[in-house]
């Protein structure tokens, strides 16, 4: 009585491994692209949540006498992770409780990387208390940007720190700033800000 053949031959195993390798080569790029797209969608959603939370805090603050007094000055801070204001020669800080306001924004946003202390952001608003730019970086080095100029939300991959190339460091702060120069030209247009941020994936219209 003949015994039945058990197992695979070496050739059959090699063929199976080759097929698996080909399938992996085809699937990995597609999977990587899917993961990247999913993470970008997530960072956009979290940037929107952060912007809405900060706008809620700003709207509440705007109606106070403390804000009215502070609003007489060109540049000032309304929230700060380290409780220190962003300072320049022309700024004068009157508002206090900067860290408490920062913590309120983080709590209200419910963004995991911020509540866990792994993410970072900064926000620029105008003197009417309206947010102009939100720049948020999550724990995976994905950067989300909100721009009031065109109402856009974008997501980018950036391994560098969140800071302006021109030396201004707004990280962990919500800062009120003049949006226009004395001659009426916009001092914070989208193209300029994205250039400061050194976001290579952004291509301004010609």
Foldseek 3Di string as FASTA:
>chain_A
DDDDDDDDDPVVVVVVVVVVVVVCVVVVVVVVVVVVVVVFVVQLLLLVLLLVLQLVLLVVVLPDPQLVVQLVFAKWFQAACVQDIFDDPRHDYRDGPRNVSLVSSCVRSVDVQVVVPQKKWEWEDESSSHTAKIWIAGNQQKIWMAGPVVRDIGIAHDPDDADFQVPRRGMRTYMYHHQADPVGHGPDDPVVRCVRRVGVVDDDDD
